[in-house]
Amino acid sequence: MAEKMEVDEPVAPDAEKKKENTTKTDLNAITYENLKDWCTQLERGEVHIVGRVIQFLAKTRKELNVDILTKLITTFISEKSIRDFLLSFIAPNLAGGLESTPMEVDKSKGGARSPRPDRRSINPPAKTTGNPEVELYVQLLTFLYLLDNNKLDDVEQVTQNYIARIDQFEKRSLDPFLAKGFFYLTLVAERQNRISDLRGYLNSRLRVATLRNQTDTIAILIVCLLRVFLLTKNFSAASKLLTKVSFPEAANNNDLARFLYYQGRIKAVELDYNGASQFFHQALRKSPQDSAIGFKQNVQKWVVVIQLLLGQIPERSVFRVAAFKKPLAPYLELAHAVRLGDIIQFNKVVENFKPIFTADETITLIVRLRQNVIKTAIRQISLAYSRIFVKDIAKKLGMISAVDAEYMVTKAVKEGTINAIVSFDSTTEDRYMQTVESENLYRSTEPQFSYDERIKHCLVLHNQAVKALRFPSDKGKAGIESIEQQRERELMELEFAKEMAEEDDDDF
């Protein structure tokens, strides 16, 4: 008997909505339980998990919402003033309307200390005797949620209160939390275009952190100060800061990668391209392998420009990487124009992608590449023509004046880029560049001197090897006994042992 085919019944829209709501509720419950476990461990005084809590912030902040934060604040924040302060940003309708939870400390029994006022805090909280890690972790999650929702003014208030709260506790274990506070305070100021106002404040906090030996805070403050100086184009101050401070060795790789990146940018502005290239490559090695794609894209852009300034052509495999293919597309055309020495194509690339280069802050270095393109073009012209008028060189280089072309040719001759001469005994229009034929190297005495140096090096190496050898001395050869002599000596020793044994028996 034939069976009926199973047909999927249509699902009602209301059922789909209920299913989605159930899924969201389950996800919220799972997220809340995970955060509750973290907070419970911190409440028990397990300070060693602070690093793991900070490490998982990038994943945790994506799962936050108002319901989860409200539960965390009402459950783990025991002080009413702090709880109302945070709820005023997350759930204003609940602020001030909740009674104290069972976790709240009863202050009417006495023994409570009066809080120390802090002028820097907006809403000074009272000091508690419990573990501050839980409270600070909840506050950190709160202003991360506000930051993701682009509530910059609220983030600034919560962050300032957060930093003032850490100053009241003065615990070494709160160093990672304090570092995060300064990082996001600088980020908010940058988005509000008020980052120049933080220079004095960050300098003073760096002195305090250095005296307290707060490693994570020192690293973050140095990076933030360098960021402030680079955004305000104060490169001299950034260079002086690098000479005055020492980056902590115990800092994590993320902060070290940022520090190396900023050092590379400073070296590039100071025309130290070799040093800048080293710092950029170190920053790429220290950056996370599976994340921080935007950071690695930005560093790779600087690496390409620095290589072009050093006269090197980047490998094409760099531009074929999936993560770099689209962001580095303008830089691929730039490298192509520099390699060909086509000044017209170079000007077109710079004009077409100028907004992108300006946003990447590499436009100042790319403008310097024009000299390299002209040198490459002159080298190719000198290889193609044995004699050419300067006015024709100006046409090929896209220059209006022949005088400018003559200056570039004479500069290339002086720097040794080309082996040529420029005639000066004629008028400006009739002047020409004549390539000097290179002499056959093997007809000169240069190979003889080269072979002589190699032979001397081989002789020195041979003499050193002979001196390093060790031979047995002749004195030892006279004392070496043959096999027969060794056998006779062993027999004599056996006979002597027997005689000694017999004498002992006779005495007994």
Protein backbone atom coordinates (compact mmCIF):
# COMPACT_ATOMS: atom_id res chain seq x y z
CA MET A 1 0.00 0.00 0.00
CA ALA A 2 1.44 3.31 -1.04
CA GLU A 3 2.29 5.66 1.82
CA LYS A 4 1.35 9.28 1.81
CA MET A 5 4.15 11.78 1.15
CA GLU A 6 5.06 14.00 4.06
CA VAL A 7 4.50 17.63 3.23
CA ASP A 8 5.82 20.48 5.45
CA GLU A 9 2.90 22.37 6.82
CA PRO A 10 3.07 26.15 6.43
CA VAL A 11 4.19 27.95 9.58
CA ALA A 12 2.11 30.88 10.72
CA PRO A 13 3.83 34.27 11.11
CA ASP A 14 2.85 34.39 14.78
CA ALA A 15 4.58 31.05 15.36
CA GLU A 16 7.75 32.35 13.69
CA LYS A 17 7.73 35.43 15.93
CA LYS A 18 7.24 33.27 19.02
CA LYS A 19 10.14 31.06 17.93
CA GLU A 20 12.40 34.09 17.43
CA ASN A 21 11.43 35.50 20.82
CA THR A 22 12.11 32.15 22.46
CA THR A 23 15.52 31.96 20.78
CA LYS A 24 16.42 35.48 21.93
CA THR A 25 15.27 34.67 25.45
CA ASP A 26 17.43 31.55 25.53
CA LEU A 27 20.47 33.46 24.23
CA ASN A 28 19.95 36.19 26.83
CA ALA A 29 19.69 33.56 29.55
CA ILE A 30 22.91 31.87 28.42
CA THR A 31 24.77 35.18 28.21
CA TYR A 32 23.52 36.25 31.63
CA GLU A 33 24.56 32.95 33.21
CA ASN A 34 28.05 33.24 31.71
CA LEU A 35 28.45 36.80 32.98
CA LYS A 36 27.02 35.75 36.33
CA ASP A 37 29.69 33.06 36.62
CA TRP A 38 32.42 35.62 35.88
CA CYS A 39 31.04 38.02 38.46
CA THR A 40 30.67 35.25 41.07
CA GLN A 41 34.30 34.23 40.65
CA LEU A 42 35.42 37.85 40.92
CA GLU A 43 33.25 38.27 44.02
CA ARG A 44 34.97 35.30 45.66
CA GLY A 45 38.28 37.11 45.26
CA GLU A 46 39.69 35.09 42.35
CA VAL A 47 41.76 37.95 40.98
CA HIS A 48 43.72 35.71 38.60
CA ILE A 49 40.78 35.62 36.16
CA VAL A 50 40.82 39.39 35.60
CA GLY A 51 43.06 38.91 32.55
CA ARG A 52 40.67 36.37 31.04
CA VAL A 53 37.69 38.63 31.70
CA ILE A 54 39.40 41.51 29.88
CA GLN A 55 40.45 39.19 27.06
CA PHE A 56 36.85 38.09 26.34
CA LEU A 57 35.47 41.66 26.28
CA ALA A 58 35.41 41.79 22.47
CA LYS A 59 33.11 38.76 22.36
CA THR A 60 31.06 39.71 25.41
CA ARG A 61 30.16 43.22 24.27
CA LYS A 62 28.41 41.85 21.17
CA GLU A 63 25.93 39.91 23.32
CA LEU A 64 24.93 42.74 25.68
CA ASN A 65 21.50 44.34 25.82
CA VAL A 66 19.41 46.36 28.26
CA ASP A 67 17.85 43.36 30.01
CA ILE A 68 21.18 41.65 30.71
CA LEU A 69 22.83 44.83 31.97
CA THR A 70 19.84 45.67 34.17
CA LYS A 71 20.01 42.24 35.81
CA LEU A 72 23.75 42.54 36.36
CA ILE A 73 23.50 46.02 37.85
CA THR A 74 20.63 45.18 40.19
CA THR A 75 22.20 41.87 41.26
CA PHE A 76 25.89 42.64 41.72
CA ILE A 77 26.00 46.39 42.49
CA SER A 78 25.30 46.69 46.20
CA GLU A 79 25.71 50.46 46.58
CA LYS A 80 22.54 52.35 45.78
CA SER A 81 24.34 55.45 44.50
CA ILE A 82 26.38 53.49 41.94
CA ARG A 83 23.38 51.35 40.96
CA ASP A 84 21.14 54.38 40.37
CA PHE A 85 23.93 56.15 38.49
CA LEU A 86 24.34 53.25 36.03
CA LEU A 87 20.61 52.58 35.69
CA SER A 88 20.06 56.24 34.78
CA PHE A 89 21.87 55.51 31.49
CA ILE A 90 20.59 51.98 30.85
CA ALA A 91 17.05 51.96 32.27
CA PRO A 92 16.07 55.44 33.54
CA ASN A 93 12.64 54.25 34.66
CA LEU A 94 14.25 51.91 37.22
CA ALA A 95 16.77 54.38 38.63
CA GLY A 96 15.98 55.26 42.24
CA GLY A 97 12.98 52.96 42.42
CA LEU A 98 14.69 49.73 43.52
CA GLU A 99 15.15 48.70 47.10
CA SER A 100 18.46 47.43 48.31
CA THR A 101 19.18 43.86 47.29
CA PRO A 102 20.13 41.14 49.80
CA MET A 103 23.75 41.56 48.72
CA GLU A 104 23.83 45.16 49.99
CA VAL A 105 25.96 45.89 53.03
CA ASP A 106 24.04 47.18 56.02
CA LYS A 107 25.70 50.44 57.04
CA SER A 108 23.52 51.05 60.10
CA LYS A 109 25.51 48.55 62.21
CA GLY A 110 28.48 50.81 62.43
CA GLY A 111 32.05 50.33 61.33
CA ALA A 112 31.50 52.02 57.99
CA ARG A 113 34.19 54.48 56.96
CA SER A 114 33.34 57.85 55.49
CA PRO A 115 34.17 58.02 51.78
CA ARG A 116 37.12 60.06 50.65
CA PRO A 117 35.98 62.83 48.30
CA ASP A 118 37.41 62.92 44.83
CA ARG A 119 37.17 66.14 42.86
CA ARG A 120 37.72 64.44 39.54
CA SER A 121 34.61 62.28 39.79
CA ILE A 122 31.27 63.54 38.53
CA ASN A 123 29.13 61.61 40.97
CA PRO A 124 31.45 60.48 43.82
CA PRO A 125 30.45 57.01 45.06
CA ALA A 126 30.85 55.74 48.57
CA LYS A 127 33.68 53.35 49.31
CA THR A 128 32.71 49.75 50.09
CA THR A 129 34.48 46.95 51.86
CA GLY A 130 33.60 44.29 49.24
CA ASN A 131 35.53 43.20 46.19
CA PRO A 132 35.63 46.10 43.70
CA GLU A 133 36.38 43.88 40.69
CA VAL A 134 32.72 42.92 40.25
CA GLU A 135 31.50 46.51 40.39
CA LEU A 136 34.16 47.72 37.95
CA TYR A 137 33.48 44.85 35.56
CA VAL A 138 29.77 45.73 35.44
CA GLN A 139 30.62 49.40 34.91
CA LEU A 140 33.00 48.42 32.11
CA LEU A 141 30.27 46.43 30.38
CA THR A 142 27.89 49.35 30.83
CA PHE A 143 29.96 51.99 29.06
CA LEU A 144 30.95 49.49 26.35
CA TYR A 145 27.25 49.02 25.61
CA LEU A 146 26.76 52.79 25.55
CA LEU A 147 29.75 53.17 23.25
CA ASP A 148 28.40 50.59 20.80
CA ASN A 149 25.14 52.55 20.73
CA ASN A 150 27.04 55.79 19.99
CA LYS A 151 26.04 57.55 23.24
CA LEU A 152 29.35 59.36 23.57
CA ASP A 153 28.32 61.89 26.23
CA ASP A 154 27.00 59.14 28.47
CA VAL A 155 30.15 57.09 27.92
CA GLU A 156 32.30 60.03 28.97
CA GLN A 157 30.41 60.48 32.24
CA VAL A 158 30.45 56.77 33.10
CA THR A 159 34.15 56.47 32.22
CA GLN A 160 35.16 59.43 34.37
CA ASN A 161 33.18 58.01 37.28
CA TYR A 162 34.76 54.61 36.58
CA ILE A 163 38.33 56.01 36.76
CA ALA A 164 37.56 57.99 39.91
CA ARG A 165 36.15 54.85 41.51
CA ILE A 166 39.37 52.92 40.80
CA ASP A 167 41.42 55.74 42.34
CA GLN A 168 39.48 55.31 45.57
CA PHE A 169 40.28 51.60 45.88
CA GLU A 170 44.01 51.81 45.05
CA LYS A 171 44.50 48.08 44.40
CA ARG A 172 47.21 46.61 42.17
CA SER A 173 44.78 44.04 40.76
CA LEU A 174 42.65 46.84 39.24
CA ASP A 175 45.42 47.88 36.84
CA PRO A 176 43.82 46.17 33.75
CA PHE A 177 40.47 47.85 34.48
CA LEU A 178 42.12 51.27 34.82
CA ALA A 179 43.96 50.79 31.53
CA LYS A 180 40.69 50.07 29.74
CA GLY A 181 39.18 53.21 31.24
CA PHE A 182 41.89 55.47 29.84
CA PHE A 183 41.75 53.75 26.45
CA TYR A 184 38.02 54.33 25.98
CA LEU A 185 38.20 57.83 27.45
CA THR A 186 40.73 58.73 24.74
CA LEU A 187 38.61 57.01 22.09
CA VAL A 188 35.51 59.01 23.04
CA ALA A 189 37.49 62.28 23.07
CA GLU A 190 38.81 61.47 19.58
CA ARG A 191 35.31 60.86 18.23
CA GLN A 192 34.14 64.13 19.79
CA ASN A 193 37.12 66.03 18.24
CA ARG A 194 38.38 67.03 21.69
CA ILE A 195 41.43 64.82 21.90
CA SER A 196 43.85 67.75 22.23
CA ASP A 197 42.28 68.60 25.61
CA LEU A 198 43.49 65.29 27.08
CA ARG A 199 47.21 65.95 26.65
CA GLY A 200 47.84 67.45 30.09
CA TYR A 201 45.54 65.00 31.85
CA LEU A 202 47.16 61.94 30.27
CA ASN A 203 50.64 63.26 31.07
CA SER A 204 49.78 63.68 34.75
CA ARG A 205 48.20 60.23 34.92
CA LEU A 206 51.30 58.73 33.29
CA ARG A 207 53.45 60.14 36.09
CA VAL A 208 51.10 58.69 38.71
CA ALA A 209 51.00 55.29 37.00
CA THR A 210 54.80 55.22 36.76
CA LEU A 211 55.15 55.92 40.48
CA ARG A 212 52.64 53.17 41.28
CA ASN A 213 54.30 50.74 38.82
CA GLN A 214 51.02 50.02 37.00
CA THR A 215 52.27 48.17 33.93
CA ASP A 216 49.08 47.95 31.84
CA THR A 217 48.13 51.56 32.58
CA ILE A 218 51.60 52.84 31.64
CA ALA A 219 51.47 51.01 28.31
CA ILE A 220 48.00 52.31 27.46
CA LEU A 221 48.83 55.90 28.47
CA ILE A 222 51.99 55.94 26.33
CA VAL A 223 50.02 54.66 23.34
CA CYS A 224 47.22 57.19 23.94
CA LEU A 225 49.68 60.09 24.23
CA LEU A 226 51.36 59.09 20.97
CA ARG A 227 47.92 58.92 19.37
CA VAL A 228 47.13 62.42 20.65
CA PHE A 229 50.39 63.84 19.26
CA LEU A 230 49.96 62.19 15.85
CA LEU A 231 46.38 63.36 15.44
CA THR A 232 47.35 66.92 16.37
CA LYS A 233 50.41 66.76 14.02
CA ASN A 234 52.77 67.42 16.93
CA PHE A 235 55.53 65.08 15.78
CA SER A 236 58.32 66.80 17.73
CA ALA A 237 56.47 66.21 21.01
CA ALA A 238 55.89 62.57 20.06
CA SER A 239 59.58 62.11 19.32
CA LYS A 240 60.54 63.67 22.68
CA LEU A 241 58.08 61.40 24.47
CA LEU A 242 59.78 58.33 22.98
CA THR A 243 63.12 59.50 24.35
CA LYS A 244 61.72 60.16 27.84
CA VAL A 245 59.66 57.00 28.49
CA SER A 246 60.42 53.30 28.41
CA PHE A 247 57.68 50.96 27.28
CA PRO A 248 57.08 48.22 29.89
CA GLU A 249 58.36 44.80 28.89
CA ALA A 250 55.46 43.03 30.62
CA ALA A 251 52.83 44.74 28.45
CA ASN A 252 50.63 42.57 26.24
CA ASN A 253 51.26 42.16 22.53
CA ASN A 254 48.29 44.29 21.46
CA ASP A 255 49.63 47.39 23.21
CA LEU A 256 53.15 46.62 22.00
CA ALA A 257 51.92 46.36 18.39
CA ARG A 258 50.24 49.78 18.65
CA PHE A 259 53.40 51.27 20.19
CA LEU A 260 55.59 49.89 17.38
CA TYR A 261 53.12 51.16 14.77
CA TYR A 262 53.22 54.70 16.14
CA GLN A 263 57.01 54.56 16.36
CA GLY A 264 57.13 53.59 12.68
CA ARG A 265 54.96 56.54 11.72
CA ILE A 266 57.18 58.93 13.67
CA LYS A 267 60.31 57.53 12.03
CA ALA A 268 58.69 57.87 8.61
CA VAL A 269 57.97 61.55 9.20
CA GLU A 270 61.59 62.01 10.32
CA LEU A 271 62.77 60.48 6.96
CA ASP A 272 64.25 57.43 8.71
CA TYR A 273 62.69 54.96 6.30
CA ASN A 274 64.83 51.98 7.34
CA GLY A 275 63.89 52.39 10.98
CA ALA A 276 60.23 52.88 10.06
CA SER A 277 60.22 49.70 7.99
CA GLN A 278 61.63 47.69 10.92
CA PHE A 279 59.00 49.03 13.33
CA PHE A 280 56.14 48.33 10.91
CA HIS A 281 57.26 44.74 10.33
CA GLN A 282 57.60 44.19 14.09
CA ALA A 283 54.09 45.58 14.57
CA LEU A 284 52.76 43.06 12.03
CA ARG A 285 54.49 40.21 13.84
CA LYS A 286 53.16 41.29 17.25
CA SER A 287 49.58 41.82 16.05
CA PRO A 288 47.00 39.03 16.55
CA GLN A 289 47.08 36.40 13.83
CA ASP A 290 43.34 35.73 13.58
CA SER A 291 41.92 39.17 14.37
CA ALA A 292 42.74 42.92 14.17
CA ILE A 293 42.28 42.86 10.38
CA GLY A 294 41.84 46.63 10.17
CA PHE A 295 45.05 47.26 12.10
CA LYS A 296 47.06 44.94 9.85
CA GLN A 297 45.56 46.53 6.73
CA ASN A 298 46.60 49.98 7.93
CA VAL A 299 50.13 48.83 8.79
CA GLN A 300 50.50 47.09 5.43
CA LYS A 301 49.64 50.33 3.61
CA TRP A 302 52.50 52.09 5.38
CA VAL A 303 54.83 49.18 4.63
CA VAL A 304 54.10 49.45 0.90
CA VAL A 305 54.74 53.20 0.83
CA ILE A 306 57.96 52.89 2.84
CA GLN A 307 59.24 50.18 0.49
CA LEU A 308 58.57 52.41 -2.51
CA LEU A 309 60.44 55.28 -0.84
CA LEU A 310 63.39 52.95 -0.23
CA GLY A 311 63.48 52.13 -3.95
CA GLN A 312 62.02 48.64 -3.46
CA ILE A 313 59.00 47.21 -5.26
CA PRO A 314 56.60 45.28 -2.99
CA GLU A 315 55.90 41.67 -3.88
CA ARG A 316 52.69 41.04 -5.77
CA SER A 317 51.76 38.25 -3.34
CA VAL A 318 51.06 40.91 -0.68
CA PHE A 319 48.30 42.42 -2.81
CA ARG A 320 46.75 38.99 -3.49
CA VAL A 321 45.94 38.26 0.15
CA ALA A 322 42.17 38.20 0.59
CA ALA A 323 42.21 40.60 3.56
CA PHE A 324 44.46 43.11 1.73
CA LYS A 325 43.16 42.84 -1.83
CA LYS A 326 40.50 45.56 -1.70
CA PRO A 327 42.13 48.06 0.75
CA LEU A 328 45.49 47.89 -1.06
CA ALA A 329 44.07 48.26 -4.58
CA PRO A 330 45.04 52.00 -4.84
CA TYR A 331 48.52 51.18 -3.54
CA LEU A 332 48.91 48.46 -6.18
CA GLU A 333 48.32 51.02 -8.94
CA LEU A 334 50.71 53.37 -7.18
CA ALA A 335 53.42 50.71 -7.05
CA HIS A 336 52.82 49.93 -10.74
CA ALA A 337 53.32 53.60 -11.70
CA VAL A 338 56.50 53.85 -9.61
CA ARG A 339 57.92 50.65 -11.10
CA LEU A 340 57.37 51.89 -14.66
CA GLY A 341 58.60 55.39 -13.88
CA ASP A 342 55.51 56.85 -15.55
CA ILE A 343 55.09 60.29 -14.00
CA ILE A 344 51.82 60.95 -15.87
CA GLN A 345 50.27 57.72 -14.56
CA PHE A 346 51.60 58.51 -11.09
CA ASN A 347 49.90 61.92 -11.09
CA LYS A 348 46.63 60.32 -12.22
CA VAL A 349 46.75 57.74 -9.43
CA VAL A 350 47.44 60.39 -6.79
CA GLU A 351 44.64 62.59 -8.11
CA ASN A 352 42.07 59.77 -8.34
CA PHE A 353 42.79 58.24 -4.92
CA LYS A 354 43.72 61.39 -3.02
CA PRO A 355 40.74 61.14 -0.61
CA ILE A 356 41.75 57.56 0.27
CA PHE A 357 45.40 58.49 0.77
CA THR A 358 44.36 61.47 2.90
CA ALA A 359 42.13 59.30 5.08
CA ASP A 360 44.99 56.80 5.50
CA GLU A 361 47.34 59.71 6.41
CA THR A 362 49.90 58.51 3.85
CA ILE A 363 49.49 61.39 1.42
CA THR A 364 52.56 63.24 2.77
CA LEU A 365 54.80 60.26 2.03
CA ILE A 366 53.19 59.56 -1.33
CA VAL A 367 53.97 63.13 -2.46
CA ARG A 368 57.64 62.38 -1.76
CA LEU A 369 57.45 59.44 -4.16
CA ARG A 370 57.37 61.83 -7.11
CA GLN A 371 61.16 62.22 -6.92
CA ASN A 372 61.60 58.44 -7.03
CA VAL A 373 59.32 58.17 -10.07
CA ILE A 374 61.31 60.86 -11.89
CA LYS A 375 64.61 59.12 -11.06
CA THR A 376 63.28 55.82 -12.39
CA ALA A 377 62.08 57.52 -15.57
CA ILE A 378 65.46 59.22 -16.10
CA ARG A 379 67.27 55.91 -15.58
CA GLN A 380 65.09 54.25 -18.21
CA ILE A 381 65.65 57.14 -20.63
CA SER A 382 69.41 56.90 -20.14
CA LEU A 383 69.29 53.20 -20.95
CA ALA A 384 67.13 53.74 -24.04
CA TYR A 385 68.98 56.75 -25.54
CA SER A 386 72.68 57.35 -25.85
CA ARG A 387 72.01 61.04 -26.56
CA ILE A 388 68.78 63.01 -26.07
CA PHE A 389 67.87 66.68 -25.79
CA VAL A 390 66.82 67.99 -22.39
CA LYS A 391 63.61 69.46 -23.84
CA ASP A 392 62.63 65.98 -25.05
CA ILE A 393 63.28 64.62 -21.55
CA ALA A 394 60.95 67.33 -20.21
CA LYS A 395 58.22 66.17 -22.59
CA LYS A 396 58.62 62.55 -21.55
CA LEU A 397 58.53 63.49 -17.86
CA GLY A 398 55.49 65.73 -18.35
CA MET A 399 57.34 68.86 -17.23
CA ILE A 400 56.53 72.26 -18.64
CA SER A 401 59.97 73.81 -18.21
CA ALA A 402 63.17 72.34 -19.65
CA VAL A 403 65.10 73.99 -16.81
CA ASP A 404 63.33 71.78 -14.26
CA ALA A 405 64.12 68.71 -16.34
CA GLU A 406 67.77 69.76 -16.57
CA TYR A 407 67.90 70.13 -12.79
CA MET A 408 66.48 66.64 -12.24
CA VAL A 409 68.95 65.12 -14.74
CA THR A 410 71.97 66.82 -13.15
CA LYS A 411 70.77 65.73 -9.70
CA ALA A 412 70.49 62.13 -10.89
CA VAL A 413 74.03 62.32 -12.33
CA LYS A 414 75.42 63.76 -9.09
CA GLU A 415 73.73 61.09 -6.95
CA GLY A 416 75.08 58.33 -9.18
CA THR A 417 71.66 57.19 -10.39
CA ILE A 418 72.81 57.38 -14.02
CA ASN A 419 76.21 57.52 -15.71
CA ALA A 420 75.87 60.44 -18.10
CA ILE A 421 76.96 64.01 -18.83
CA VAL A 422 74.94 67.14 -19.62
CA SER A 423 76.26 69.71 -22.10
CA PHE A 424 76.50 73.28 -20.80
CA ASP A 425 78.30 74.98 -23.70
CA SER A 426 75.12 75.53 -25.72
CA THR A 427 71.84 77.34 -25.23
CA THR A 428 69.10 76.03 -22.99
CA GLU A 429 67.08 74.57 -25.86
CA ASP A 430 70.07 72.82 -27.45
CA ARG A 431 71.42 71.17 -24.30
CA TYR A 432 71.42 67.40 -24.27
CA MET A 433 72.20 64.46 -22.05
CA GLN A 434 74.73 61.95 -23.31
CA THR A 435 75.06 58.56 -21.68
CA VAL A 436 78.60 57.51 -20.86
CA GLU A 437 79.30 53.98 -21.96
CA SER A 438 80.30 51.82 -19.07
CA GLU A 439 83.76 50.29 -19.39
CA ASN A 440 84.26 46.55 -19.51
CA LEU A 441 85.02 45.61 -15.94
CA TYR A 442 87.18 42.63 -16.89
CA ARG A 443 89.55 44.86 -18.87
CA SER A 444 90.41 46.81 -15.75
CA THR A 445 92.43 45.82 -12.68
CA GLU A 446 89.32 45.43 -10.52
CA PRO A 447 89.08 41.61 -10.92
CA GLN A 448 92.76 41.30 -9.93
CA PHE A 449 92.21 43.17 -6.66
CA SER A 450 89.03 41.20 -6.01
CA TYR A 451 90.84 37.85 -6.44
CA ASP A 452 93.68 39.09 -4.27
CA GLU A 453 91.28 39.92 -1.44
CA ARG A 454 89.64 36.50 -1.71
CA ILE A 455 93.01 34.70 -1.62
CA LYS A 456 94.08 36.67 1.46
CA HIS A 457 90.83 35.78 3.17
CA CYS A 458 91.32 32.07 2.41
CA LEU A 459 94.91 32.14 3.74
CA VAL A 460 93.83 33.83 6.96
CA LEU A 461 91.05 31.28 7.40
CA HIS A 462 93.55 28.41 6.82
CA ASN A 463 96.01 29.80 9.36
CA GLN A 464 93.28 30.19 11.97
CA ALA A 465 92.12 26.61 11.37
CA VAL A 466 95.67 25.28 11.80
CA LYS A 467 96.08 27.19 15.06
CA ALA A 468 92.84 25.75 16.33
CA LEU A 469 93.99 22.13 15.81
CA ARG A 470 95.38 20.14 18.80
CA PHE A 471 98.02 17.38 18.52
CA PRO A 472 99.29 14.95 21.20
CA SER A 473 102.66 15.93 22.65
CA ASP A 474 105.84 13.92 21.95
CA LYS A 475 106.41 13.38 25.66
CA GLY A 476 103.38 11.16 25.90
CA LYS A 477 104.60 8.85 23.12
CA ALA A 478 107.60 7.60 25.20
CA GLY A 479 105.37 6.52 28.07
CA ILE A 480 102.96 4.44 25.95
CA GLU A 481 103.45 0.69 26.56
CA SER A 482 102.91 -2.03 24.00
CA ILE A 483 100.46 -4.92 24.32
CA GLU A 484 103.17 -7.39 25.46
CA GLN A 485 104.42 -4.99 28.12
CA GLN A 486 100.86 -4.49 29.34
CA ARG A 487 100.35 -8.29 29.67
CA GLU A 488 103.61 -8.71 31.61
CA ARG A 489 102.61 -5.88 33.95
CA GLU A 490 99.23 -7.48 34.64
CA LEU A 491 100.88 -10.89 35.41
CA MET A 492 103.32 -9.26 37.80
CA GLU A 493 100.45 -7.54 39.57
CA LEU A 494 98.59 -10.87 39.96
CA GLU A 495 101.69 -12.61 41.38
CA PHE A 496 102.26 -9.74 43.78
CA ALA A 497 98.65 -9.97 44.96
CA LYS A 498 99.01 -13.75 45.61
CA GLU A 499 102.21 -13.24 47.62
CA MET A 500 100.54 -10.59 49.74
CA ALA A 501 97.61 -12.97 50.41
CA GLU A 502 99.96 -15.82 51.46
CA GLU A 503 101.83 -13.54 53.86
CA ASP A 504 98.56 -12.54 55.49
CA ASP A 505 97.64 -16.24 55.97
CA ASP A 506 101.02 -17.03 57.59
CA ASP A 507 100.64 -14.17 60.04
CA PHE A 508 97.22 -15.45 61.08
